[in-house]
Protein backbone atom coordinates (compact mmCIF):
# COMPACT_ATOMS: atom_id res chain seq x y z
CA MET A 1 39.86 21.05 -77.73
CA PHE A 2 37.67 23.94 -78.97
CA PHE A 3 36.77 24.84 -75.39
CA ALA A 4 40.44 24.96 -74.38
CA SER A 5 41.29 27.13 -77.41
CA GLN A 6 38.52 29.65 -76.69
CA TYR A 7 39.43 29.75 -73.01
CA ASP A 8 43.09 30.43 -73.79
CA THR A 9 42.16 33.21 -76.24
CA ILE A 10 40.05 35.05 -73.67
CA VAL A 11 42.62 34.55 -70.92
CA CYS A 12 45.45 35.80 -73.15
CA ARG A 13 43.62 39.05 -73.93
CA VAL A 14 42.86 39.79 -70.29
CA ARG A 15 46.34 38.70 -69.26
CA ASP A 16 48.14 40.96 -71.73
CA ALA A 17 46.01 43.93 -70.72
CA VAL A 18 46.60 43.54 -66.98
CA LEU A 19 50.05 42.02 -66.52
CA GLY A 20 51.76 44.54 -68.76
CA TYR A 21 51.62 46.93 -65.78
CA VAL A 22 53.48 44.59 -63.39
CA PRO A 23 56.88 46.12 -62.41
CA GLY A 24 59.90 44.51 -63.99
CA TRP A 25 61.44 43.57 -60.63
CA ILE A 26 58.54 41.18 -60.01
CA THR A 27 59.55 38.02 -61.86
CA PRO A 28 57.71 34.73 -62.43
CA ASN A 29 60.37 32.72 -60.63
CA GLY A 30 60.30 35.25 -57.79
CA LEU A 31 56.56 34.70 -57.35
CA THR A 32 57.09 30.94 -57.38
CA LEU A 33 59.81 31.22 -54.72
CA VAL A 34 57.51 33.38 -52.58
CA ARG A 35 54.92 30.59 -52.72
CA LEU A 36 57.55 28.03 -51.71
CA VAL A 37 58.71 30.17 -48.77
CA LEU A 38 55.10 30.61 -47.64
CA VAL A 39 54.78 26.86 -47.00
CA LEU A 40 56.63 27.23 -43.68
CA PRO A 41 54.46 30.03 -42.16
CA LEU A 42 51.35 28.34 -43.57
CA MET A 43 52.11 25.08 -41.79
CA THR A 44 53.25 26.89 -38.64
CA THR A 45 50.00 28.85 -38.34
CA LEU A 46 48.02 25.67 -38.94
CA ALA A 47 49.93 23.86 -36.20
CA LEU A 48 49.30 26.75 -33.80
CA GLY A 49 45.59 26.77 -34.56
CA MET A 50 45.70 30.22 -36.19
CA ARG A 51 43.25 29.37 -38.98
CA GLY A 52 42.56 32.98 -39.95
CA ALA A 53 46.27 33.70 -40.50
CA ALA A 54 46.69 30.37 -42.31
CA THR A 55 43.80 31.21 -44.63
CA ILE A 56 45.29 34.62 -45.49
CA ILE A 57 48.72 33.09 -46.17
CA PHE A 58 47.13 30.41 -48.33
CA MET A 59 45.22 32.98 -50.37
CA ILE A 60 48.41 35.02 -50.92
CA GLY A 61 50.23 31.90 -52.09
CA ALA A 62 47.36 30.92 -54.36
CA ALA A 63 47.47 34.40 -55.89
CA THR A 64 51.16 33.97 -56.75
CA ASP A 65 50.28 30.67 -58.41
CA ALA A 66 47.65 32.42 -60.52
CA LEU A 67 50.14 35.10 -61.60
CA ASP A 68 53.52 33.45 -62.19
CA GLY A 69 52.58 31.42 -65.27
CA PRO A 70 50.69 34.22 -67.09
CA LEU A 71 53.47 36.69 -66.25
CA ALA A 72 56.04 34.34 -67.76
CA ARG A 73 53.97 34.09 -70.94
CA VAL A 74 53.55 37.85 -71.22
CA ARG A 75 57.32 38.26 -70.94
CA ARG A 76 57.94 35.43 -73.42
CA ILE A 77 59.90 33.31 -70.93
CA ALA A 78 57.36 30.56 -70.28
CA GLY A 79 58.81 27.05 -70.26
CA VAL A 80 62.37 28.34 -70.04
CA GLY A 81 65.01 27.32 -67.53
CA PHE A 82 64.61 26.59 -63.84
CA GLY A 83 61.04 27.87 -63.59
CA LYS A 84 59.79 25.00 -65.77
CA ILE A 85 60.45 22.48 -62.99
CA LEU A 86 60.31 24.83 -59.97
CA ASP A 87 56.66 25.83 -60.48
CA PRO A 88 55.01 22.37 -60.50
CA ILE A 89 57.14 21.12 -57.60
CA THR A 90 56.30 24.22 -55.56
CA ASP A 91 52.59 23.72 -56.32
CA LYS A 92 52.70 20.18 -54.95
CA PHE A 93 54.31 21.35 -51.69
CA PHE A 94 52.06 24.37 -51.28
CA PHE A 95 48.72 22.69 -51.99
CA LEU A 96 49.29 19.19 -50.66
CA ALA A 97 50.96 20.17 -47.36
CA PRO A 98 47.92 21.92 -45.79
CA LEU A 99 45.53 19.33 -47.22
CA LEU A 100 47.50 16.46 -45.68
CA TRP A 101 47.81 18.34 -42.38
CA ILE A 102 44.04 18.82 -42.19
CA VAL A 103 43.55 15.11 -42.95
CA ALA A 104 46.16 14.08 -40.34
CA SER A 105 44.46 16.27 -37.73
CA GLY A 106 41.26 14.26 -38.19
CA GLU A 107 39.21 17.20 -39.49
CA TYR A 108 38.61 15.71 -42.92
CA ARG A 109 38.13 12.21 -44.26
CA SER A 110 37.28 11.44 -47.86
CA PHE A 111 37.23 8.46 -50.18
CA MET A 112 38.49 10.86 -52.87
CA LEU A 113 41.74 11.58 -51.04
CA ALA A 114 43.68 8.45 -52.03
CA PRO A 115 42.93 8.66 -55.78
CA PHE A 116 43.63 12.40 -55.73
CA ILE A 117 47.05 11.99 -54.10
CA ALA A 118 47.87 9.13 -56.49
CA LEU A 119 46.89 11.34 -59.42
CA GLU A 120 49.01 14.23 -58.10
CA ALA A 121 52.00 11.89 -57.78
CA SER A 122 51.46 10.70 -61.36
CA ILE A 123 51.24 14.27 -62.68
CA ALA A 124 54.40 15.23 -60.78
CA GLY A 125 56.22 12.21 -62.22
CA LEU A 126 55.03 13.08 -65.72
CA GLY A 127 56.24 16.66 -65.30
CA ILE A 128 59.70 15.57 -64.14
CA ALA A 129 59.95 13.06 -66.99
CA GLU A 130 58.95 15.75 -69.50
CA PHE A 131 61.58 18.13 -68.11
CA ILE A 132 64.33 15.50 -68.37
CA ARG A 133 63.34 14.37 -71.86
CA ALA A 134 63.03 17.95 -73.10
CA GLU A 135 66.83 18.13 -73.06
CA TRP A 136 66.90 15.88 -76.11
CA ARG A 137 63.28 15.88 -77.36
CA PRO A 138 61.73 19.39 -77.55
CA TRP A 139 58.23 17.96 -78.02
CA ALA A 140 58.47 16.07 -74.72
CA CYS A 141 57.58 19.11 -72.59
CA THR A 142 53.93 20.06 -73.16
CA GLY A 143 53.50 22.70 -70.47
CA ALA A 144 50.29 23.74 -68.75
CA ASN A 145 46.81 23.43 -70.24
CA VAL A 146 43.31 24.50 -69.27
CA PHE A 147 42.54 21.21 -67.53
CA GLY A 148 45.56 21.53 -65.29
CA LYS A 149 44.49 25.05 -64.34
CA LEU A 150 40.97 23.86 -63.54
CA LYS A 151 42.36 21.00 -61.44
CA THR A 152 44.50 23.39 -59.41
CA GLY A 153 41.55 25.76 -59.05
CA CYS A 154 39.29 23.03 -57.65
CA GLU A 155 42.06 21.87 -55.32
CA GLY A 156 42.66 25.42 -54.10
CA VAL A 157 38.98 26.09 -53.41
CA CYS A 158 38.72 22.74 -51.60
CA ILE A 159 41.62 23.63 -49.27
CA TRP A 160 40.23 27.13 -48.73
CA ALA A 161 36.84 25.62 -47.76
CA LEU A 162 38.53 23.26 -45.31
CA LEU A 163 40.54 26.11 -43.79
CA ILE A 164 37.45 28.24 -43.11
CA ALA A 165 35.24 25.29 -42.10
CA PRO A 166 35.76 25.76 -38.34
CA SER A 167 34.42 29.34 -38.59
CA ILE A 168 31.87 29.10 -41.38
CA ALA A 169 29.42 26.30 -42.05
CA VAL A 170 30.70 24.53 -45.17
CA PRO A 171 28.53 21.73 -46.63
CA THR A 172 30.18 18.40 -45.90
CA TRP A 173 29.80 17.33 -49.51
CA ALA A 174 31.56 20.41 -50.93
CA PRO A 175 35.22 19.35 -50.36
CA ASP A 176 34.48 15.85 -51.71
CA ALA A 177 32.84 17.31 -54.81
CA LEU A 178 35.75 19.68 -55.39
CA LEU A 179 38.30 16.86 -55.06
CA ALA A 180 36.22 14.74 -57.44
CA PHE A 181 36.25 17.53 -60.04
CA ALA A 182 39.98 18.01 -59.42
CA CYS A 183 40.51 14.32 -60.23
CA ILE A 184 38.40 14.57 -63.40
CA PHE A 185 40.29 17.63 -64.62
CA GLY A 186 43.58 16.02 -63.60
CA LEU A 187 42.85 12.95 -65.72
CA ALA A 188 41.86 15.21 -68.61
CA ASN A 189 45.12 17.11 -68.13
CA VAL A 190 47.18 13.92 -68.37
CA ALA A 191 45.20 12.73 -71.40
CA ALA A 192 45.62 16.07 -73.20
CA ARG A 193 49.36 16.13 -72.55
CA TRP A 194 49.74 12.54 -73.72
CA MET A 195 47.84 13.29 -76.92
CA GLN A 196 50.01 16.35 -77.54
CA ILE A 197 53.18 14.32 -77.08
CA ARG A 198 51.89 11.68 -79.50
CA ALA A 199 51.02 14.35 -82.06
CA PHE A 200 54.48 15.92 -81.79
CA ARG A 201 56.11 12.52 -82.03
CA MET A 202 54.13 11.63 -85.16
CA ALA A 203 54.98 15.00 -86.72
CA GLU A 204 58.67 14.46 -85.97
CA HIS A 205 58.51 10.97 -87.46
CA THR A 206 56.83 12.32 -90.60
CA CYS A 207 59.32 15.15 -91.02
CA SER A 208 62.23 12.75 -90.66
CA GLY A 209 60.88 10.71 -93.55
CA GLY A 210 59.31 7.92 -91.55
CA GLY A 211 55.87 8.67 -92.91
CA SER A 212 56.83 8.69 -96.57
CA ARG A 213 56.98 4.93 -96.90
């Protein structure tokens, strides 16, 4: 966990220095909603064969994903209210929709696809369960961690590579490798969240007197 701690420290310093200048009317939930709205033009441009426009739309959406969480933390509203569940659900729509379209069109086949989608479904289920349980167990909602960010980063670069593949020669092994790393980081994300929940649960048990006997 030392790596994750050092990473978060560096990111927090850069984040606070940059995002403090973002206008107040730009909100984290607003950025998330922009990403959700962009799913429709993204899929439309893909269906029409407009890969350049689709790539630009995808990069804009990915930028909102990179900004909404840090902006919420700078403004001390991270993990609060509707945004807690809106952000991960929007991510699944925004990242999986173009990936599945490219697969359905026959442009990409990979043995990593099935385990990756299964992992994404598991992470989504875990997030929803955490959100529901957080109503009566505060420790149940662990939030994002460095492994989740790395997973999303690998997934995003993989989709970007597939989008530009018709125009630029992309090594055939690159998307597979990126999905493999996304799976590794995704498993690490789930493991880290599970360990955090166990630690919180043990601390709660100890504070309630369960550990005194």
